[in-house]
Amino acid sequence: MRFSFKKNLALSVFLSTIIAVWVTAGEPPRVVTQQEIQKTKAKYGSRAADRLQEWQELVDENQNESEKDKLEIVNDFFNRVRYIDDLTHWHQKDYWATPLEMLATDAGDCEDYSIAKYFTLKALGVPESKLYITYVKAIRLNQAHMVLTYFETPKSIPLVLDNLNKRILKASRRKDLVPIYSFNGDGLWLARERGKGKSVSGGTSKLKNWNNLLQRLNQQ
């Protein structure tokens, strides 16, 4: 990912949008339809279609697992996808792929891993209030990075789901990451060291990619 660390980054940003969810009454959520699987098979081949089917099976089969197990299952599943930068993959500097796009092409960057894990955990019943997509600075790489953070309780030290270090660790053990800000469907927060931080208000221009992503999810 490419991201500018200017002083006023995200100081005037507030996320106000409805999260796309897949719901079928009385059944596990449908994260992908058979029609989408068949379209993917025609475009990308049978292995791509298999990945989408495996994604749906993951959601179907793990609804009753503990939240800790759900984190592990989802983190492992998406970390199998190969890393590729947006310029190479999408011929754009910064493109946020839907989970379907990521799995269909078997490729993504840090935003795509975090987004896919976020929506899949939501489909598994993990409350949105516990999940935050978090911008950080990866110190060793000296660049911006994105991870998913999970708060067991509002005051807990969050767990970090990452594609660089594939172990799920407490944020206090990730000295290689400096939090900048985090967001989910409820809003955007300036990141307190190793924690969620305080809510900020303002426009949505800095989260244009997030809003574009939600529009594409709704279209799917």
C-alpha atoms as a PDB file:
ATOM      1  CA  MET A   1       0.000   0.000   0.000  1.00  0.00           C
ATOM      2  CA  ARG A   2       1.027   3.629  -0.412  1.00  0.00           C
ATOM      3  CA  PHE A   3       0.038   6.209   2.140  1.00  0.00           C
ATOM      4  CA  SER A   4       1.153   9.708   3.160  1.00  0.00           C
ATOM      5  CA  PHE A   5       1.950  10.374   6.811  1.00  0.00           C
ATOM      6  CA  LYS A   6       1.169  14.105   6.883  1.00  0.00           C
ATOM      7  CA  LYS A   7       0.534  15.735  10.259  1.00  0.00           C
ATOM      8  CA  ASN A   8      -3.078  16.466   9.511  1.00  0.00           C
ATOM      9  CA  LEU A   9      -3.801  12.964   8.238  1.00  0.00           C
ATOM     10  CA  ALA A  10      -7.275  11.875   9.303  1.00  0.00           C
ATOM     11  CA  LEU A  11      -7.784  14.771  11.720  1.00  0.00           C
ATOM     12  CA  SER A  12     -10.964  15.772   9.901  1.00  0.00           C
ATOM     13  CA  VAL A  13     -12.302  12.346   8.957  1.00  0.00           C
ATOM     14  CA  PHE A  14     -15.415  10.584  10.196  1.00  0.00           C
ATOM     15  CA  LEU A  15     -16.786   7.376   8.746  1.00  0.00           C
ATOM     16  CA  SER A  16     -20.580   7.408   8.482  1.00  0.00           C
ATOM     17  CA  THR A  17     -21.829   4.536   6.331  1.00  0.00           C
ATOM     18  CA  ILE A  18     -23.739   1.303   6.452  1.00  0.00           C
ATOM     19  CA  ILE A  19     -21.619  -1.866   6.282  1.00  0.00           C
ATOM     20  CA  ALA A  20     -22.550  -4.336   3.576  1.00  0.00           C
ATOM     21  CA  VAL A  21     -23.642  -7.606   5.162  1.00  0.00           C
ATOM     22  CA  TRP A  22     -24.731 -10.894   3.717  1.00  0.00           C
ATOM     23  CA  VAL A  23     -27.723 -12.292   5.572  1.00  0.00           C
ATOM     24  CA  THR A  24     -30.056 -15.205   4.936  1.00  0.00           C
ATOM     25  CA  ALA A  25     -32.641 -15.641   7.668  1.00  0.00           C
ATOM     26  CA  GLY A  26     -32.133 -18.837   9.665  1.00  0.00           C
ATOM     27  CA  GLU A  27     -28.922 -19.766   7.836  1.00  0.00           C
ATOM     28  CA  PRO A  28     -25.251 -18.777   7.966  1.00  0.00           C
ATOM     29  CA  PRO A  29     -24.644 -15.589   5.966  1.00  0.00           C
ATOM     30  CA  ARG A  30     -24.010 -15.971   2.238  1.00  0.00           C
ATOM     31  CA  VAL A  31     -20.676 -14.338   1.517  1.00  0.00           C
ATOM     32  CA  VAL A  32     -20.701 -15.486  -2.111  1.00  0.00           C
ATOM     33  CA  THR A  33     -23.453 -16.765  -4.389  1.00  0.00           C
ATOM     34  CA  GLN A  34     -23.345 -19.696  -6.768  1.00  0.00           C
ATOM     35  CA  GLN A  35     -23.770 -17.253  -9.632  1.00  0.00           C
ATOM     36  CA  GLU A  36     -20.663 -15.365  -8.504  1.00  0.00           C
ATOM     37  CA  ILE A  37     -18.759 -18.629  -8.211  1.00  0.00           C
ATOM     38  CA  GLN A  38     -19.724 -19.634 -11.743  1.00  0.00           C
ATOM     39  CA  LYS A  39     -18.775 -16.198 -13.132  1.00  0.00           C
ATOM     40  CA  THR A  40     -15.437 -16.451 -11.360  1.00  0.00           C
ATOM     41  CA  LYS A  41     -14.859 -19.929 -12.756  1.00  0.00           C
ATOM     42  CA  ALA A  42     -15.516 -18.698 -16.283  1.00  0.00           C
ATOM     43  CA  LYS A  43     -13.127 -15.748 -15.864  1.00  0.00           C
ATOM     44  CA  TYR A  44     -10.363 -17.114 -13.650  1.00  0.00           C
ATOM     45  CA  GLY A  45     -10.699 -20.906 -13.749  1.00  0.00           C
ATOM     46  CA  SER A  46     -11.802 -23.734 -11.507  1.00  0.00           C
ATOM     47  CA  ARG A  47      -9.205 -23.142  -8.762  1.00  0.00           C
ATOM     48  CA  ALA A  48     -10.487 -19.594  -8.282  1.00  0.00           C
ATOM     49  CA  ALA A  49     -14.040 -20.932  -8.006  1.00  0.00           C
ATOM     50  CA  ASP A  50     -12.817 -23.481  -5.443  1.00  0.00           C
ATOM     51  CA  ARG A  51     -11.373 -20.703  -3.290  1.00  0.00           C
ATOM     52  CA  LEU A  52     -14.726 -18.927  -3.213  1.00  0.00           C
ATOM     53  CA  GLN A  53     -16.498 -22.159  -2.334  1.00  0.00           C
ATOM     54  CA  GLU A  54     -13.984 -22.764   0.465  1.00  0.00           C
ATOM     55  CA  TRP A  55     -14.674 -19.256   1.762  1.00  0.00           C
ATOM     56  CA  GLN A  56     -18.395 -19.960   1.970  1.00  0.00           C
ATOM     57  CA  GLU A  57     -17.735 -23.315   3.631  1.00  0.00           C
ATOM     58  CA  LEU A  58     -15.527 -21.585   6.205  1.00  0.00           C
ATOM     59  CA  VAL A  59     -18.432 -19.312   7.133  1.00  0.00           C
ATOM     60  CA  ASP A  60     -20.942 -22.178   7.091  1.00  0.00           C
ATOM     61  CA  GLU A  61     -18.885 -24.522   9.255  1.00  0.00           C
ATOM     62  CA  ASN A  62     -17.477 -22.214  11.917  1.00  0.00           C
ATOM     63  CA  GLN A  63     -20.439 -20.240  13.203  1.00  0.00           C
ATOM     64  CA  ASN A  64     -20.321 -21.970  16.592  1.00  0.00           C
ATOM     65  CA  GLU A  65     -16.593 -21.751  17.216  1.00  0.00           C
ATOM     66  CA  SER A  66     -15.176 -19.481  19.899  1.00  0.00           C
ATOM     67  CA  GLU A  67     -14.127 -15.994  18.847  1.00  0.00           C
ATOM     68  CA  LYS A  68     -10.497 -16.945  19.461  1.00  0.00           C
ATOM     69  CA  ASP A  69     -10.811 -19.899  17.088  1.00  0.00           C
ATOM     70  CA  LYS A  70     -12.625 -17.767  14.504  1.00  0.00           C
ATOM     71  CA  LEU A  71      -9.739 -15.309  14.542  1.00  0.00           C
ATOM     72  CA  GLU A  72      -7.224 -18.086  13.947  1.00  0.00           C
ATOM     73  CA  ILE A  73      -9.260 -19.749  11.208  1.00  0.00           C
ATOM     74  CA  VAL A  74      -9.886 -16.543   9.277  1.00  0.00           C
ATOM     75  CA  ASN A  75      -6.353 -15.228   9.717  1.00  0.00           C
ATOM     76  CA  ASP A  76      -4.853 -18.485   8.420  1.00  0.00           C
ATOM     77  CA  PHE A  77      -7.294 -18.737   5.510  1.00  0.00           C
ATOM     78  CA  PHE A  78      -6.583 -15.313   4.027  1.00  0.00           C
ATOM     79  CA  ASN A  79      -2.860 -15.326   4.780  1.00  0.00           C
ATOM     80  CA  ARG A  80      -2.537 -18.153   2.243  1.00  0.00           C
ATOM     81  CA  VAL A  81      -3.268 -15.610  -0.500  1.00  0.00           C
ATOM     82  CA  ARG A  82      -0.132 -14.325  -2.238  1.00  0.00           C
ATOM     83  CA  TYR A  83       0.963 -10.750  -1.641  1.00  0.00           C
ATOM     84  CA  ILE A  84       1.116  -8.405  -4.630  1.00  0.00           C
ATOM     85  CA  ASP A  85       1.156  -4.617  -4.803  1.00  0.00           C
ATOM     86  CA  ASP A  86      -1.714  -2.672  -6.369  1.00  0.00           C
ATOM     87  CA  LEU A  87       0.294  -1.280  -9.289  1.00  0.00           C
ATOM     88  CA  THR A  88       1.234  -4.769 -10.415  1.00  0.00           C
ATOM     89  CA  HIS A  89      -2.127  -6.301  -9.646  1.00  0.00           C
ATOM     90  CA  TRP A  90      -4.702  -3.646 -10.553  1.00  0.00           C
ATOM     91  CA  HIS A  91      -2.563  -1.058 -12.372  1.00  0.00           C
ATOM     92  CA  GLN A  92      -3.586   1.505  -9.764  1.00  0.00           C
ATOM     93  CA  LYS A  93      -1.605   3.080  -6.943  1.00  0.00           C
ATOM     94  CA  ASP A  94      -4.204   2.287  -4.300  1.00  0.00           C
ATOM     95  CA  TYR A  95      -7.096  -0.109  -4.968  1.00  0.00           C
ATOM     96  CA  TRP A  96      -9.085  -1.728  -2.165  1.00  0.00           C
ATOM     97  CA  ALA A  97     -10.319  -5.096  -3.395  1.00  0.00           C
ATOM     98  CA  THR A  98     -13.415  -6.883  -2.165  1.00  0.00           C
ATOM     99  CA  PRO A  99     -12.837 -10.311  -0.580  1.00  0.00           C
ATOM    100  CA  LEU A 100     -14.312 -11.886  -3.723  1.00  0.00           C
ATOM    101  CA  GLU A 101     -11.820 -10.037  -5.932  1.00  0.00           C
ATOM    102  CA  MET A 102      -8.947 -11.016  -3.664  1.00  0.00           C
ATOM    103  CA  LEU A 103      -9.827 -14.715  -3.643  1.00  0.00           C
ATOM    104  CA  ALA A 104     -10.728 -14.833  -7.342  1.00  0.00           C
ATOM    105  CA  THR A 105      -7.294 -13.496  -8.292  1.00  0.00           C
ATOM    106  CA  ASP A 106      -5.492 -15.181  -5.385  1.00  0.00           C
ATOM    107  CA  ALA A 107      -3.616 -11.952  -4.698  1.00  0.00           C
ATOM    108  CA  GLY A 108      -3.834  -8.814  -2.608  1.00  0.00           C
ATOM    109  CA  ASP A 109      -1.975  -6.282  -0.494  1.00  0.00           C
ATOM    110  CA  CYS A 110      -2.269  -5.352   3.170  1.00  0.00           C
ATOM    111  CA  GLU A 111      -5.570  -3.505   2.817  1.00  0.00           C
ATOM    112  CA  ASP A 112      -7.107  -6.483   1.057  1.00  0.00           C
ATOM    113  CA  TYR A 113      -6.049  -8.953   3.775  1.00  0.00           C
ATOM    114  CA  SER A 114      -7.438  -6.700   6.500  1.00  0.00           C
ATOM    115  CA  ILE A 115     -10.721  -6.018   4.696  1.00  0.00           C
ATOM    116  CA  ALA A 116     -11.308  -9.689   3.867  1.00  0.00           C
ATOM    117  CA  LYS A 117     -10.673 -10.747   7.467  1.00  0.00           C
ATOM    118  CA  TYR A 118     -12.923  -7.965   8.773  1.00  0.00           C
ATOM    119  CA  PHE A 119     -15.959  -8.875   6.682  1.00  0.00           C
ATOM    120  CA  THR A 120     -15.498 -12.617   7.159  1.00  0.00           C
ATOM    121  CA  LEU A 121     -15.330 -12.315  10.928  1.00  0.00           C
ATOM    122  CA  LYS A 122     -18.477 -10.182  10.806  1.00  0.00           C
ATOM    123  CA  ALA A 123     -20.151 -12.957   8.795  1.00  0.00           C
ATOM    124  CA  LEU A 124     -19.057 -15.393  11.518  1.00  0.00           C
ATOM    125  CA  GLY A 125     -20.885 -13.308  14.107  1.00  0.00           C
ATOM    126  CA  VAL A 126     -18.004 -11.401  15.680  1.00  0.00           C
ATOM    127  CA  PRO A 127     -19.458  -8.025  16.717  1.00  0.00           C
ATOM    128  CA  GLU A 128     -18.357  -5.087  14.608  1.00  0.00           C
ATOM    129  CA  SER A 129     -17.593  -3.175  17.816  1.00  0.00           C
ATOM    130  CA  LYS A 130     -14.664  -5.555  18.393  1.00  0.00           C
ATOM    131  CA  LEU A 131     -13.131  -5.213  14.918  1.00  0.00           C
ATOM    132  CA  TYR A 132     -11.106  -2.271  13.605  1.00  0.00           C
ATOM    133  CA  ILE A 133      -9.209  -1.868  10.364  1.00  0.00           C
ATOM    134  CA  THR A 134      -6.072  -0.111  11.553  1.00  0.00           C
ATOM    135  CA  TYR A 135      -3.473   1.964   9.732  1.00  0.00           C
ATOM    136  CA  VAL A 136      -0.017   1.598  11.207  1.00  0.00           C
ATOM    137  CA  LYS A 137       3.558   2.438  10.307  1.00  0.00           C
ATOM    138  CA  ALA A 138       5.678  -0.685   9.853  1.00  0.00           C
ATOM    139  CA  ILE A 139       8.946   0.488  11.390  1.00  0.00           C
ATOM    140  CA  ARG A 140      11.233  -2.118   9.863  1.00  0.00           C
ATOM    141  CA  LEU A 141       9.859  -1.493   6.382  1.00  0.00           C
ATOM    142  CA  ASN A 142       9.592   2.266   6.988  1.00  0.00           C
ATOM    143  CA  GLN A 143       6.243   2.383   5.262  1.00  0.00           C
ATOM    144  CA  ALA A 144       2.528   2.493   5.895  1.00  0.00           C
ATOM    145  CA  HIS A 145       0.732  -0.762   6.515  1.00  0.00           C
ATOM    146  CA  MET A 146      -2.755  -1.983   7.393  1.00  0.00           C
ATOM    147  CA  VAL A 147      -3.811  -4.661   9.872  1.00  0.00           C
ATOM    148  CA  LEU A 148      -7.014  -5.855  11.508  1.00  0.00           C
ATOM    149  CA  THR A 149      -7.287  -5.392  15.262  1.00  0.00           C
ATOM    150  CA  TYR A 150      -9.641  -7.239  17.612  1.00  0.00           C
ATOM    151  CA  PHE A 151     -10.712  -5.955  21.043  1.00  0.00           C
ATOM    152  CA  GLU A 152     -12.104  -8.667  23.316  1.00  0.00           C
ATOM    153  CA  THR A 153     -13.442  -5.866  25.515  1.00  0.00           C
ATOM    154  CA  PRO A 154     -13.362  -2.097  24.937  1.00  0.00           C
ATOM    155  CA  LYS A 155     -10.449  -1.765  27.379  1.00  0.00           C
ATOM    156  CA  SER A 156      -8.499  -4.815  26.210  1.00  0.00           C
ATOM    157  CA  ILE A 157      -5.130  -4.595  24.523  1.00  0.00           C
ATOM    158  CA  PRO A 158      -6.110  -5.501  20.949  1.00  0.00           C
ATOM    159  CA  LEU A 159      -4.951  -8.557  19.054  1.00  0.00           C
ATOM    160  CA  VAL A 160      -3.340  -7.913  15.680  1.00  0.00           C
ATOM    161  CA  LEU A 161      -4.210  -9.952  12.582  1.00  0.00           C
ATOM    162  CA  ASP A 162      -1.480  -9.283  10.041  1.00  0.00           C
ATOM    163  CA  ASN A 163      -0.085 -10.642   6.781  1.00  0.00           C
ATOM    164  CA  LEU A 164       3.530  -9.678   7.621  1.00  0.00           C
ATOM    165  CA  ASN A 165       3.723 -11.482  10.954  1.00  0.00           C
ATOM    166  CA  LYS A 166       1.153 -14.239  10.572  1.00  0.00           C
ATOM    167  CA  ARG A 167       0.937 -14.994  14.297  1.00  0.00           C
ATOM    168  CA  ILE A 168      -1.937 -13.328  16.135  1.00  0.00           C
ATOM    169  CA  LEU A 169      -0.264 -11.280  18.855  1.00  0.00           C
ATOM    170  CA  LYS A 170      -1.267  -8.575  21.297  1.00  0.00           C
ATOM    171  CA  ALA A 171      -0.528  -5.103  20.012  1.00  0.00           C
ATOM    172  CA  SER A 172       1.818  -4.599  22.981  1.00  0.00           C
ATOM    173  CA  ARG A 173       4.051  -7.295  21.474  1.00  0.00           C
ATOM    174  CA  ARG A 174       4.107  -5.694  18.037  1.00  0.00           C
ATOM    175  CA  LYS A 175       6.817  -3.131  18.708  1.00  0.00           C
ATOM    176  CA  ASP A 176       7.426  -3.038  14.954  1.00  0.00           C
ATOM    177  CA  LEU A 177       4.078  -1.300  14.369  1.00  0.00           C
ATOM    178  CA  VAL A 178       3.083   2.269  15.280  1.00  0.00           C
ATOM    179  CA  PRO A 179      -0.708   2.838  15.198  1.00  0.00           C
ATOM    180  CA  ILE A 180      -1.992   5.868  13.279  1.00  0.00           C
ATOM    181  CA  TYR A 181      -5.774   5.503  13.117  1.00  0.00           C
ATOM    182  CA  SER A 182      -8.440   2.836  12.912  1.00  0.00           C
ATOM    183  CA  PHE A 183     -11.992   2.577  11.616  1.00  0.00           C
ATOM    184  CA  ASN A 184     -14.976   0.337  11.127  1.00  0.00           C
ATOM    185  CA  GLY A 185     -18.617   0.892  10.243  1.00  0.00           C
ATOM    186  CA  ASP A 186     -19.173   2.840  13.467  1.00  0.00           C
ATOM    187  CA  GLY A 187     -16.610   5.545  12.835  1.00  0.00           C
ATOM    188  CA  LEU A 188     -12.982   6.547  12.694  1.00  0.00           C
ATOM    189  CA  TRP A 189     -10.639   6.772  15.661  1.00  0.00           C
ATOM    190  CA  LEU A 190      -7.252   8.381  16.156  1.00  0.00           C
ATOM    191  CA  ALA A 191      -5.123   5.552  17.458  1.00  0.00           C
ATOM    192  CA  ARG A 192      -3.916   5.722  21.024  1.00  0.00           C
ATOM    193  CA  GLU A 193      -0.675   3.796  21.480  1.00  0.00           C
ATOM    194  CA  ARG A 194      -1.610   0.090  21.226  1.00  0.00           C
ATOM    195  CA  GLY A 195      -5.280   0.946  21.594  1.00  0.00           C
ATOM    196  CA  LYS A 196      -8.321   2.277  19.801  1.00  0.00           C
ATOM    197  CA  GLY A 197      -7.997   5.941  20.731  1.00  0.00           C
ATOM    198  CA  LYS A 198     -10.566   8.702  20.490  1.00  0.00           C
ATOM    199  CA  SER A 199     -13.253   9.330  17.920  1.00  0.00           C
ATOM    200  CA  VAL A 200     -12.786  12.161  15.420  1.00  0.00           C
ATOM    201  CA  SER A 201     -15.328  13.951  13.280  1.00  0.00           C
ATOM    202  CA  GLY A 202     -15.297  15.619   9.907  1.00  0.00           C
ATOM    203  CA  GLY A 203     -15.680  14.755   6.215  1.00  0.00           C
ATOM    204  CA  THR A 204     -15.255  11.413   4.485  1.00  0.00           C
ATOM    205  CA  SER A 205     -12.855  12.375   1.680  1.00  0.00           C
ATOM    206  CA  LYS A 206      -9.860  10.597   3.216  1.00  0.00           C
ATOM    207  CA  LEU A 207     -11.833   7.329   3.246  1.00  0.00           C
ATOM    208  CA  LYS A 208     -12.938   7.475  -0.376  1.00  0.00           C
ATOM    209  CA  ASN A 209     -11.487   4.020  -1.033  1.00  0.00           C
ATOM    210  CA  TRP A 210     -13.518   2.566   1.839  1.00  0.00           C
ATOM    211  CA  ASN A 211     -16.746   4.082   0.565  1.00  0.00           C
ATOM    212  CA  ASN A 212     -15.994   2.877  -2.978  1.00  0.00           C
ATOM    213  CA  LEU A 213     -15.390  -0.585  -1.588  1.00  0.00           C
ATOM    214  CA  LEU A 214     -18.745  -0.601   0.212  1.00  0.00           C
ATOM    215  CA  GLN A 215     -20.500   0.424  -3.006  1.00  0.00           C
ATOM    216  CA  ARG A 216     -18.933  -2.496  -4.867  1.00  0.00           C
ATOM    217  CA  LEU A 217     -19.877  -4.894  -2.098  1.00  0.00           C
ATOM    218  CA  ASN A 218     -23.479  -3.730  -2.279  1.00  0.00           C
ATOM    219  CA  GLN A 219     -23.445  -4.258  -6.039  1.00  0.00           C
ATOM    220  CA  GLN A 220     -22.173  -7.792  -5.547  1.00  0.00           C
END
